Amino acid sequence: MQFVLVLLLALVSSVDTADAGKKARCLAPADASAAVQRHHLQQPRSAIAAARRKASGDLLAARLCEGKSGYVYRLHILAKNGHVARVVVDAKSAEILGVH
């Protein structure tokens, strides 16, 4: 239940900064759910599982955003050492696009 609450709160953000310095449009929870259905995207849990394989730790935030080449999940994971990893996951394939 706590995981779902964190995910929903994180999805509320409407704007996220893209790696290239451009603004990416991140979707509200209702819009994100509709986009997953409409565009046949991976469920958030698939993106989270992929991100945790690259950066283990506690999920802080997860957002579905419109990226340069389609939809991406932007996740923030807090590692045990206190560092926050920003992981970008392709929303169609659940492939890791970047870890920062």
PDB file of N, CA and C in Angstrom:
ATOM      1  N   MET A   1       0.822  -1.188   0.000  1.00  0.00           N
ATOM      2  CA  MET A   1       0.000   0.000   0.000  1.00  0.00           C
ATOM      3  C   MET A   1       0.869   1.256   0.000  1.00  0.00           C
ATOM      4  N   GLN A   2       1.928   1.248   0.797  1.00  0.00           N
ATOM      5  CA  GLN A   2       2.816   2.402   0.873  1.00  0.00           C
ATOM      6  C   GLN A   2       3.463   2.656  -0.487  1.00  0.00           C
ATOM      7  N   PHE A   3       3.861   1.584  -1.184  1.00  0.00           N
ATOM      8  CA  PHE A   3       4.461   1.690  -2.507  1.00  0.00           C
ATOM      9  C   PHE A   3       3.512   2.403  -3.476  1.00  0.00           C
ATOM     10  N   VAL A   4       2.246   2.017  -3.479  1.00  0.00           N
ATOM     11  CA  VAL A   4       1.257   2.618  -4.364  1.00  0.00           C
ATOM     12  C   VAL A   4       1.093   4.092  -4.042  1.00  0.00           C
ATOM     13  N   LEU A   5       1.066   4.434  -2.774  1.00  0.00           N
ATOM     14  CA  LEU A   5       0.937   5.820  -2.363  1.00  0.00           C
ATOM     15  C   LEU A   5       2.118   6.648  -2.845  1.00  0.00           C
ATOM     16  N   VAL A   6       3.330   6.126  -2.701  1.00  0.00           N
ATOM     17  CA  VAL A   6       4.530   6.831  -3.160  1.00  0.00           C
ATOM     18  C   VAL A   6       4.460   7.035  -4.669  1.00  0.00           C
ATOM     19  N   LEU A   7       4.055   6.003  -5.394  1.00  0.00           N
ATOM     20  CA  LEU A   7       3.964   6.097  -6.841  1.00  0.00           C
ATOM     21  C   LEU A   7       2.940   7.135  -7.265  1.00  0.00           C
ATOM     22  N   LEU A   8       1.785   7.125  -6.630  1.00  0.00           N
ATOM     23  CA  LEU A   8       0.752   8.090  -6.986  1.00  0.00           C
ATOM     24  C   LEU A   8       1.171   9.515  -6.677  1.00  0.00           C
ATOM     25  N   LEU A   9       1.808   9.716  -5.552  1.00  0.00           N
ATOM     26  CA  LEU A   9       2.273  11.055  -5.207  1.00  0.00           C
ATOM     27  C   LEU A   9       3.330  11.531  -6.198  1.00  0.00           C
ATOM     28  N   ALA A  10       4.188  10.631  -6.619  1.00  0.00           N
ATOM     29  CA  ALA A  10       5.249  10.997  -7.554  1.00  0.00           C
ATOM     30  C   ALA A  10       4.705  11.329  -8.932  1.00  0.00           C
ATOM     31  N   LEU A  11       3.655  10.651  -9.337  1.00  0.00           N
ATOM     32  CA  LEU A  11       3.078  10.880 -10.655  1.00  0.00           C
ATOM     33  C   LEU A  11       2.366  12.220 -10.764  1.00  0.00           C
ATOM     34  N   VAL A  12       2.097  12.855  -9.641  1.00  0.00           N
ATOM     35  CA  VAL A  12       1.381  14.125  -9.651  1.00  0.00           C
ATOM     36  C   VAL A  12       2.200  15.243 -10.278  1.00  0.00           C
ATOM     37  N   SER A  13       3.505  15.133 -10.224  1.00  0.00           N
ATOM     38  CA  SER A  13       4.357  16.173 -10.789  1.00  0.00           C
ATOM     39  C   SER A  13       4.051  16.364 -12.273  1.00  0.00           C
ATOM     40  N   SER A  14       3.922  17.592 -12.710  1.00  0.00           N
ATOM     41  CA  SER A  14       3.535  17.835 -14.094  1.00  0.00           C
ATOM     42  C   SER A  14       4.706  18.168 -15.004  1.00  0.00           C
ATOM     43  N   VAL A  15       5.855  18.538 -14.449  1.00  0.00           N
ATOM     44  CA  VAL A  15       6.990  18.890 -15.288  1.00  0.00           C
ATOM     45  C   VAL A  15       8.259  18.306 -14.688  1.00  0.00           C
ATOM     46  N   ASP A  16       9.103  17.759 -15.566  1.00  0.00           N
ATOM     47  CA  ASP A  16      10.386  17.208 -15.145  1.00  0.00           C
ATOM     48  C   ASP A  16      11.443  17.704 -16.119  1.00  0.00           C
ATOM     49  N   THR A  17      12.663  17.877 -15.663  1.00  0.00           N
ATOM     50  CA  THR A  17      13.718  18.347 -16.535  1.00  0.00           C
ATOM     51  C   THR A  17      14.331  17.177 -17.272  1.00  0.00           C
ATOM     52  N   ALA A  18      14.373  17.254 -18.577  1.00  0.00           N
ATOM     53  CA  ALA A  18      14.976  16.200 -19.394  1.00  0.00           C
ATOM     54  C   ALA A  18      16.488  16.351 -19.357  1.00  0.00           C
ATOM     55  N   ASP A  19      17.204  15.275 -19.694  1.00  0.00           N
ATOM     56  CA  ASP A  19      18.660  15.284 -19.659  1.00  0.00           C
ATOM     57  C   ASP A  19      19.247  16.332 -20.591  1.00  0.00           C
ATOM     58  N   ALA A  20      18.598  16.601 -21.704  1.00  0.00           N
ATOM     59  CA  ALA A  20      19.115  17.556 -22.677  1.00  0.00           C
ATOM     60  C   ALA A  20      18.820  18.998 -22.281  1.00  0.00           C
ATOM     61  N   GLY A  21      18.227  19.218 -21.124  1.00  0.00           N
ATOM     62  CA  GLY A  21      17.950  20.567 -20.667  1.00  0.00           C
ATOM     63  C   GLY A  21      16.581  21.067 -21.105  1.00  0.00           C
ATOM     64  N   LYS A  22      15.864  20.286 -21.898  1.00  0.00           N
ATOM     65  CA  LYS A  22      14.525  20.658 -22.316  1.00  0.00           C
ATOM     66  C   LYS A  22      13.529  20.209 -21.257  1.00  0.00           C
ATOM     67  N   LYS A  23      12.375  20.852 -21.249  1.00  0.00           N
ATOM     68  CA  LYS A  23      11.323  20.446 -20.315  1.00  0.00           C
ATOM     69  C   LYS A  23      10.575  19.252 -20.904  1.00  0.00           C
ATOM     70  N   ALA A  24      10.374  18.242 -20.090  1.00  0.00           N
ATOM     71  CA  ALA A  24       9.586  17.085 -20.490  1.00  0.00           C
ATOM     72  C   ALA A  24       8.244  17.176 -19.786  1.00  0.00           C
ATOM     73  N   ARG A  25       7.207  16.778 -20.469  1.00  0.00           N
ATOM     74  CA  ARG A  25       5.876  16.826 -19.881  1.00  0.00           C
ATOM     75  C   ARG A  25       5.605  15.514 -19.177  1.00  0.00           C
ATOM     76  N   CYS A  26       5.468  15.573 -17.871  1.00  0.00           N
ATOM     77  CA  CYS A  26       5.137  14.388 -17.084  1.00  0.00           C
ATOM     78  C   CYS A  26       3.636  14.405 -16.816  1.00  0.00           C
ATOM     79  N   LEU A  27       3.052  13.238 -16.806  1.00  0.00           N
ATOM     80  CA  LEU A  27       1.609  13.109 -16.749  1.00  0.00           C
ATOM     81  C   LEU A  27       1.082  13.000 -15.319  1.00  0.00           C
ATOM     82  N   ALA A  28      -0.110  13.513 -15.126  1.00  0.00           N
ATOM     83  CA  ALA A  28      -0.832  13.331 -13.867  1.00  0.00           C
ATOM     84  C   ALA A  28      -1.254  11.868 -13.783  1.00  0.00           C
ATOM     85  N   PRO A  29      -1.520  11.351 -12.573  1.00  0.00           N
ATOM     86  CA  PRO A  29      -1.847   9.927 -12.414  1.00  0.00           C
ATOM     87  C   PRO A  29      -2.961   9.428 -13.328  1.00  0.00           C
ATOM     88  N   ALA A  30      -4.055  10.147 -13.435  1.00  0.00           N
ATOM     89  CA  ALA A  30      -5.160   9.692 -14.289  1.00  0.00           C
ATOM     90  C   ALA A  30      -4.739   9.663 -15.753  1.00  0.00           C
ATOM     91  N   ASP A  31      -3.981  10.675 -16.160  1.00  0.00           N
ATOM     92  CA  ASP A  31      -3.505  10.729 -17.539  1.00  0.00           C
ATOM     93  C   ASP A  31      -2.483   9.633 -17.803  1.00  0.00           C
ATOM     94  N   ALA A  32      -1.632   9.345 -16.806  1.00  0.00           N
ATOM     95  CA  ALA A  32      -0.624   8.294 -16.956  1.00  0.00           C
ATOM     96  C   ALA A  32      -1.291   6.944 -17.133  1.00  0.00           C
ATOM     97  N   SER A  33      -2.306   6.669 -16.345  1.00  0.00           N
ATOM     98  CA  SER A  33      -3.022   5.400 -16.451  1.00  0.00           C
ATOM     99  C   SER A  33      -3.670   5.264 -17.823  1.00  0.00           C
ATOM    100  N   ALA A  34      -4.270   6.320 -18.305  1.00  0.00           N
ATOM    101  CA  ALA A  34      -4.900   6.302 -19.627  1.00  0.00           C
ATOM    102  C   ALA A  34      -3.852   6.117 -20.722  1.00  0.00           C
ATOM    103  N   ALA A  35      -2.693   6.772 -20.587  1.00  0.00           N
ATOM    104  CA  ALA A  35      -1.634   6.650 -21.592  1.00  0.00           C
ATOM    105  C   ALA A  35      -1.083   5.224 -21.644  1.00  0.00           C
ATOM    106  N   VAL A  36      -0.950   4.584 -20.488  1.00  0.00           N
ATOM    107  CA  VAL A  36      -0.477   3.192 -20.446  1.00  0.00           C
ATOM    108  C   VAL A  36      -1.422   2.313 -21.253  1.00  0.00           C
ATOM    109  N   GLN A  37      -2.709   2.495 -21.071  1.00  0.00           N
ATOM    110  CA  GLN A  37      -3.709   1.706 -21.804  1.00  0.00           C
ATOM    111  C   GLN A  37      -3.721   2.070 -23.289  1.00  0.00           C
ATOM    112  N   ARG A  38      -3.778   3.330 -23.587  1.00  0.00           N
ATOM    113  CA  ARG A  38      -3.936   3.797 -24.965  1.00  0.00           C
ATOM    114  C   ARG A  38      -2.726   3.474 -25.837  1.00  0.00           C
ATOM    115  N   HIS A  39      -1.519   3.597 -25.263  1.00  0.00           N
ATOM    116  CA  HIS A  39      -0.294   3.412 -26.051  1.00  0.00           C
ATOM    117  C   HIS A  39       0.374   2.059 -25.809  1.00  0.00           C
ATOM    118  N   HIS A  40      -0.303   1.181 -25.077  1.00  0.00           N
ATOM    119  CA  HIS A  40       0.214  -0.166 -24.786  1.00  0.00           C
ATOM    120  C   HIS A  40       1.603  -0.107 -24.154  1.00  0.00           C
ATOM    121  N   LEU A  41       1.711   0.706 -23.111  1.00  0.00           N
ATOM    122  CA  LEU A  41       2.972   0.876 -22.389  1.00  0.00           C
ATOM    123  C   LEU A  41       3.079  -0.156 -21.283  1.00  0.00           C
ATOM    124  N   GLN A  42       4.303  -0.373 -20.804  1.00  0.00           N
ATOM    125  CA  GLN A  42       4.539  -1.246 -19.666  1.00  0.00           C
ATOM    126  C   GLN A  42       3.904  -0.613 -18.421  1.00  0.00           C
ATOM    127  N   GLN A  43       3.461  -1.457 -17.520  1.00  0.00           N
ATOM    128  CA  GLN A  43       2.942  -0.980 -16.244  1.00  0.00           C
ATOM    129  C   GLN A  43       4.105  -0.401 -15.426  1.00  0.00           C
ATOM    130  N   PRO A  44       3.837   0.534 -14.525  1.00  0.00           N
ATOM    131  CA  PRO A  44       4.915   1.113 -13.712  1.00  0.00           C
ATOM    132  C   PRO A  44       5.743   0.068 -12.969  1.00  0.00           C
ATOM    133  N   ARG A  45       5.121  -1.012 -12.507  1.00  0.00           N
ATOM    134  CA  ARG A  45       5.875  -2.020 -11.744  1.00  0.00           C
ATOM    135  C   ARG A  45       6.988  -2.650 -12.592  1.00  0.00           C
ATOM    136  N   SER A  46       6.798  -2.751 -13.923  1.00  0.00           N
ATOM    137  CA  SER A  46       7.839  -3.284 -14.806  1.00  0.00           C
ATOM    138  C   SER A  46       9.031  -2.329 -14.873  1.00  0.00           C
ATOM    139  N   ALA A  47       8.735  -1.042 -14.965  1.00  0.00           N
ATOM    140  CA  ALA A  47       9.802  -0.039 -14.999  1.00  0.00           C
ATOM    141  C   ALA A  47      10.548   0.004 -13.674  1.00  0.00           C
ATOM    142  N   ILE A  48       9.818  -0.116 -12.586  1.00  0.00           N
ATOM    143  CA  ILE A  48      10.438  -0.103 -11.261  1.00  0.00           C
ATOM    144  C   ILE A  48      11.341  -1.314 -11.088  1.00  0.00           C
ATOM    145  N   ALA A  49      10.881  -2.482 -11.512  1.00  0.00           N
ATOM    146  CA  ALA A  49      11.703  -3.696 -11.405  1.00  0.00           C
ATOM    147  C   ALA A  49      12.972  -3.549 -12.229  1.00  0.00           C
ATOM    148  N   ALA A  50      12.864  -3.005 -13.434  1.00  0.00           N
ATOM    149  CA  ALA A  50      14.046  -2.801 -14.284  1.00  0.00           C
ATOM    150  C   ALA A  50      15.011  -1.818 -13.623  1.00  0.00           C
ATOM    151  N   ALA A  51      14.479  -0.733 -13.068  1.00  0.00           N
ATOM    152  CA  ALA A  51      15.326   0.277 -12.424  1.00  0.00           C
ATOM    153  C   ALA A  51      16.044  -0.302 -11.215  1.00  0.00           C
ATOM    154  N   ARG A  52      15.351  -1.120 -10.450  1.00  0.00           N
ATOM    155  CA  ARG A  52      15.963  -1.699  -9.251  1.00  0.00           C
ATOM    156  C   ARG A  52      17.048  -2.715  -9.594  1.00  0.00           C
ATOM    157  N   ARG A  53      17.016  -3.285 -10.785  1.00  0.00           N
ATOM    158  CA  ARG A  53      18.105  -4.179 -11.199  1.00  0.00           C
ATOM    159  C   ARG A  53      19.386  -3.386 -11.451  1.00  0.00           C
ATOM    160  N   LYS A  54      19.243  -2.114 -11.808  1.00  0.00           N
ATOM    161  CA  LYS A  54      20.392  -1.237 -12.052  1.00  0.00           C
ATOM    162  C   LYS A  54      20.811  -0.461 -10.817  1.00  0.00           C
ATOM    163  N   ALA A  55      19.853  -0.078 -10.006  1.00  0.00           N
ATOM    164  CA  ALA A  55      20.129   0.751  -8.830  1.00  0.00           C
ATOM    165  C   ALA A  55      19.239   0.256  -7.694  1.00  0.00           C
ATOM    166  N   SER A  56      19.812  -0.523  -6.818  1.00  0.00           N
ATOM    167  CA  SER A  56      19.004  -1.059  -5.717  1.00  0.00           C
ATOM    168  C   SER A  56      18.807   0.005  -4.645  1.00  0.00           C
ATOM    169  N   GLY A  57      17.658  -0.071  -4.004  1.00  0.00           N
ATOM    170  CA  GLY A  57      17.351   0.878  -2.944  1.00  0.00           C
ATOM    171  C   GLY A  57      15.866   1.122  -2.856  1.00  0.00           C
ATOM    172  N   ASP A  58      15.506   2.194  -2.177  1.00  0.00           N
ATOM    173  CA  ASP A  58      14.105   2.544  -1.953  1.00  0.00           C
ATOM    174  C   ASP A  58      13.615   3.496  -3.039  1.00  0.00           C
ATOM    175  N   LEU A  59      12.457   3.218  -3.572  1.00  0.00           N
ATOM    176  CA  LEU A  59      11.849   4.074  -4.575  1.00  0.00           C
ATOM    177  C   LEU A  59      11.381   5.372  -3.918  1.00  0.00           C
ATOM    178  N   LEU A  60      11.841   6.500  -4.450  1.00  0.00           N
ATOM    179  CA  LEU A  60      11.416   7.805  -3.954  1.00  0.00           C
ATOM    180  C   LEU A  60      10.330   8.407  -4.832  1.00  0.00           C
ATOM    181  N   ALA A  61      10.478   8.234  -6.141  1.00  0.00           N
ATOM    182  CA  ALA A  61       9.536   8.839  -7.075  1.00  0.00           C
ATOM    183  C   ALA A  61       9.525   8.059  -8.374  1.00  0.00           C
ATOM    184  N   ALA A  62       8.375   8.057  -9.027  1.00  0.00           N
ATOM    185  CA  ALA A  62       8.233   7.438 -10.345  1.00  0.00           C
ATOM    186  C   ALA A  62       7.234   8.267 -11.133  1.00  0.00           C
ATOM    187  N   ARG A  63       7.622   8.676 -12.326  1.00  0.00           N
ATOM    188  CA  ARG A  63       6.757   9.505 -13.172  1.00  0.00           C
ATOM    189  C   ARG A  63       6.747   8.965 -14.594  1.00  0.00           C
ATOM    190  N   LEU A  64       5.616   9.033 -15.259  1.00  0.00           N
ATOM    191  CA  LEU A  64       5.533   8.730 -16.682  1.00  0.00           C
ATOM    192  C   LEU A  64       5.584  10.063 -17.410  1.00  0.00           C
ATOM    193  N   CYS A  65       6.557  10.186 -18.315  1.00  0.00           N
ATOM    194  CA  CYS A  65       6.778  11.449 -19.010  1.00  0.00           C
ATOM    195  C   CYS A  65       6.871  11.218 -20.510  1.00  0.00           C
ATOM    196  N   GLU A  66       6.587  12.263 -21.260  1.00  0.00           N
ATOM    197  CA  GLU A  66       6.784  12.219 -22.695  1.00  0.00           C
ATOM    198  C   GLU A  66       8.236  12.591 -22.954  1.00  0.00           C
ATOM    199  N   GLY A  67       9.012  11.629 -23.462  1.00  0.00           N
ATOM    200  CA  GLY A  67      10.417  11.869 -23.764  1.00  0.00           C
ATOM    201  C   GLY A  67      10.620  12.260 -25.217  1.00  0.00           C
ATOM    202  N   LYS A  68      11.857  12.426 -25.619  1.00  0.00           N
ATOM    203  CA  LYS A  68      12.187  12.815 -26.993  1.00  0.00           C
ATOM    204  C   LYS A  68      11.712  11.784 -28.005  1.00  0.00           C
ATOM    205  N   SER A  69      11.782  10.510 -27.635  1.00  0.00           N
ATOM    206  CA  SER A  69      11.444   9.440 -28.573  1.00  0.00           C
ATOM    207  C   SER A  69      10.229   8.639 -28.123  1.00  0.00           C
ATOM    208  N   GLY A  70       9.407   9.198 -27.307  1.00  0.00           N
ATOM    209  CA  GLY A  70       8.228   8.495 -26.811  1.00  0.00           C
ATOM    210  C   GLY A  70       8.141   8.601 -25.298  1.00  0.00           C
ATOM    211  N   TYR A  71       7.325   7.766 -24.727  1.00  0.00           N
ATOM    212  CA  TYR A  71       7.110   7.808 -23.279  1.00  0.00           C
ATOM    213  C   TYR A  71       8.245   7.121 -22.524  1.00  0.00           C
ATOM    214  N   VAL A  72       8.602   7.707 -21.386  1.00  0.00           N
ATOM    215  CA  VAL A  72       9.616   7.140 -20.500  1.00  0.00           C
ATOM    216  C   VAL A  72       9.131   7.240 -19.058  1.00  0.00           C
ATOM    217  N   TYR A  73       9.604   6.321 -18.258  1.00  0.00           N
ATOM    218  CA  TYR A  73       9.417   6.422 -16.810  1.00  0.00           C
ATOM    219  C   TYR A  73      10.680   7.049 -16.247  1.00  0.00           C
ATOM    220  N   ARG A  74      10.519   8.031 -15.393  1.00  0.00           N
ATOM    221  CA  ARG A  74      11.646   8.649 -14.683  1.00  0.00           C
ATOM    222  C   ARG A  74      11.502   8.271 -13.219  1.00  0.00           C
ATOM    223  N   LEU A  75      12.496   7.545 -12.727  1.00  0.00           N
ATOM    224  CA  LEU A  75      12.438   7.033 -11.362  1.00  0.00           C
ATOM    225  C   LEU A  75      13.621   7.573 -10.562  1.00  0.00           C
ATOM    226  N   HIS A  76      13.397   7.817  -9.274  1.00  0.00           N
ATOM    227  CA  HIS A  76      14.450   8.210  -8.342  1.00  0.00           C
ATOM    228  C   HIS A  76      14.522   7.125  -7.275  1.00  0.00           C
ATOM    229  N   ILE A  77      15.724   6.583  -7.084  1.00  0.00           N
ATOM    230  CA  ILE A  77      15.927   5.498  -6.126  1.00  0.00           C
ATOM    231  C   ILE A  77      17.005   5.909  -5.136  1.00  0.00           C
ATOM    232  N   LEU A  78      16.687   5.784  -3.854  1.00  0.00           N
ATOM    233  CA  LEU A  78      17.622   6.118  -2.782  1.00  0.00           C
ATOM    234  C   LEU A  78      18.403   4.868  -2.393  1.00  0.00           C
ATOM    235  N   ALA A  79      19.717   4.903  -2.619  1.00  0.00           N
ATOM    236  CA  ALA A  79      20.589   3.781  -2.269  1.00  0.00           C
ATOM    237  C   ALA A  79      20.902   3.821  -0.770  1.00  0.00           C
ATOM    238  N   LYS A  80      21.379   2.699  -0.264  1.00  0.00           N
ATOM    239  CA  LYS A  80      21.713   2.624   1.167  1.00  0.00           C
ATOM    240  C   LYS A  80      22.813   3.599   1.560  1.00  0.00           C
ATOM    241  N   ASN A  81      23.669   3.992   0.586  1.00  0.00           N
ATOM    242  CA  ASN A  81      24.748   4.928   0.886  1.00  0.00           C
ATOM    243  C   ASN A  81      24.279   6.385   0.868  1.00  0.00           C
ATOM    244  N   GLY A  82      22.970   6.609   0.621  1.00  0.00           N
ATOM    245  CA  GLY A  82      22.425   7.953   0.644  1.00  0.00           C
ATOM    246  C   GLY A  82      22.377   8.644  -0.708  1.00  0.00           C
ATOM    247  N   HIS A  83      22.967   8.043  -1.727  1.00  0.00           N
ATOM    248  CA  HIS A  83      22.943   8.638  -3.060  1.00  0.00           C
ATOM    249  C   HIS A  83      21.607   8.346  -3.733  1.00  0.00           C
ATOM    250  N   VAL A  84      21.144   9.284  -4.532  1.00  0.00           N
ATOM    251  CA  VAL A  84      19.903   9.106  -5.278  1.00  0.00           C
ATOM    252  C   VAL A  84      20.258   8.852  -6.736  1.00  0.00           C
ATOM    253  N   ALA A  85      19.803   7.720  -7.249  1.00  0.00           N
ATOM    254  CA  ALA A  85      20.003   7.389  -8.657  1.00  0.00           C
ATOM    255  C   ALA A  85      18.759   7.812  -9.422  1.00  0.00           C
ATOM    256  N   ARG A  86      18.964   8.496 -10.538  1.00  0.00           N
ATOM    257  CA  ARG A  86      17.870   8.849 -11.435  1.00  0.00           C
ATOM    258  C   ARG A  86      17.922   7.885 -12.607  1.00  0.00           C
ATOM    259  N   VAL A  87      16.891   7.091 -12.766  1.00  0.00           N
ATOM    260  CA  VAL A  87      16.866   6.058 -13.791  1.00  0.00           C
ATOM    261  C   VAL A  87      15.760   6.394 -14.784  1.00  0.00           C
ATOM    262  N   VAL A  88      16.108   6.346 -16.076  1.00  0.00           N
ATOM    263  CA  VAL A  88      15.145   6.577 -17.142  1.00  0.00           C
ATOM    264  C   VAL A  88      14.910   5.242 -17.835  1.00  0.00           C
ATOM    265  N   VAL A  89      13.623   4.858 -17.920  1.00  0.00           N
ATOM    266  CA  VAL A  89      13.240   3.564 -18.478  1.00  0.00           C
ATOM    267  C   VAL A  89      12.269   3.795 -19.632  1.00  0.00           C
ATOM    268  N   ASP A  90      12.533   3.153 -20.770  1.00  0.00           N
ATOM    269  CA  ASP A  90      11.614   3.227 -21.902  1.00  0.00           C
ATOM    270  C   ASP A  90      10.281   2.606 -21.495  1.00  0.00           C
ATOM    271  N   ALA A  91       9.198   3.331 -21.681  1.00  0.00           N
ATOM    272  CA  ALA A  91       7.888   2.866 -21.217  1.00  0.00           C
ATOM    273  C   ALA A  91       7.307   1.771 -22.098  1.00  0.00           C
ATOM    274  N   LYS A  92       7.764   1.631 -23.324  1.00  0.00           N
ATOM    275  CA  LYS A  92       7.275   0.557 -24.207  1.00  0.00           C
ATOM    276  C   LYS A  92       7.947  -0.766 -23.910  1.00  0.00           C
ATOM    277  N   SER A  93       9.270  -0.742 -23.717  1.00  0.00           N
ATOM    278  CA  SER A  93      10.050  -1.968 -23.599  1.00  0.00           C
ATOM    279  C   SER A  93      10.557  -2.265 -22.192  1.00  0.00           C
ATOM    280  N   ALA A  94      10.483  -1.309 -21.303  1.00  0.00           N
ATOM    281  CA  ALA A  94      11.056  -1.397 -19.951  1.00  0.00           C
ATOM    282  C   ALA A  94      12.575  -1.530 -20.001  1.00  0.00           C
ATOM    283  N   GLU A  95      13.177  -1.045 -21.074  1.00  0.00           N
ATOM    284  CA  GLU A  95      14.641  -1.035 -21.222  1.00  0.00           C
ATOM    285  C   GLU A  95      15.206   0.218 -20.543  1.00  0.00           C
ATOM    286  N   ILE A  96      16.314   0.026 -19.841  1.00  0.00           N
ATOM    287  CA  ILE A  96      16.978   1.147 -19.186  1.00  0.00           C
ATOM    288  C   ILE A  96      17.610   2.046 -20.245  1.00  0.00           C
ATOM    289  N   LEU A  97      17.278   3.321 -20.218  1.00  0.00           N
ATOM    290  CA  LEU A  97      17.854   4.280 -21.169  1.00  0.00           C
ATOM    291  C   LEU A  97      18.986   5.082 -20.551  1.00  0.00           C
ATOM    292  N   GLY A  98      18.999   5.157 -19.226  1.00  0.00           N
ATOM    293  CA  GLY A  98      20.058   5.908 -18.579  1.00  0.00           C
ATOM    294  C   GLY A  98      19.962   5.841 -17.076  1.00  0.00           C
ATOM    295  N   VAL A  99      21.126   5.929 -16.429  1.00  0.00           N
ATOM    296  CA  VAL A  99      21.209   5.985 -14.974  1.00  0.00           C
ATOM    297  C   VAL A  99      22.137   7.137 -14.648  1.00  0.00           C
ATOM    298  N   HIS A 100      21.645   8.053 -13.812  1.00  0.00           N
ATOM    299  CA  HIS A 100      22.445   9.238 -13.454  1.00  0.00           C
ATOM    300  C   HIS A 100      22.507   9.368 -11.956  1.00  0.00           C
TER     301      HIS A 100
END
